[in-house]
Every structure is written in C-alpha cells, then in structure tokens.
Amino acid sequence: MTWLYDLFVLPIEIRGVGRLLMLAPLILSVSLVYKTIRCPELKQIPFASIKLCIMILSGMLAIGVSLLVTFRLLA
C-alpha cells in the first residue's frame, strides 16, 4: 500500500523524449473514444481512429516546429 502512496506523493519524473512518447497513447485513446461516438459502423472505428491520431500528432508536430522556429528567430 505504501508504494501506491509514494507514487502520488513522489511522482516519477519523465524527461526528454519520454514526454513525447507519453503523448501517443493519450492521443490514441482520445481519438478512439471520439471515433467510437462518431462512426456509424463498428468496422470503421480502427482505421478512422488511427487516421485521426496521425492527424493530431502531425498537427502538434507542426505547431511545435513553428514555435521552435519562432523562438530561434526571436532569441
């Protein structure tokens, strides 16, 4: 029971690429839930959710690159 308590009191630090890798399951689960609500047929859900996941990841990547370029130009 103390390990569960320690997990919330002393959280695990995730740095660098680990932060980016933690976005993929989060985005995949959000896109899966969204497409489960929106798709009329069950067989459309896997492809549609993966497609939406890739679209969200590429959009976030584009925003990140544009912010990095803006920061480098202004710094």
Foldseek 3Di string as FASTA:
>chain_A
DVVVVCCVVPPDDDDDCRVVVVVLVVLLVVLLVVLVVVDPDPVVRPVRSVVSSVVVVVVVVVVVVVVVVVVVVVD
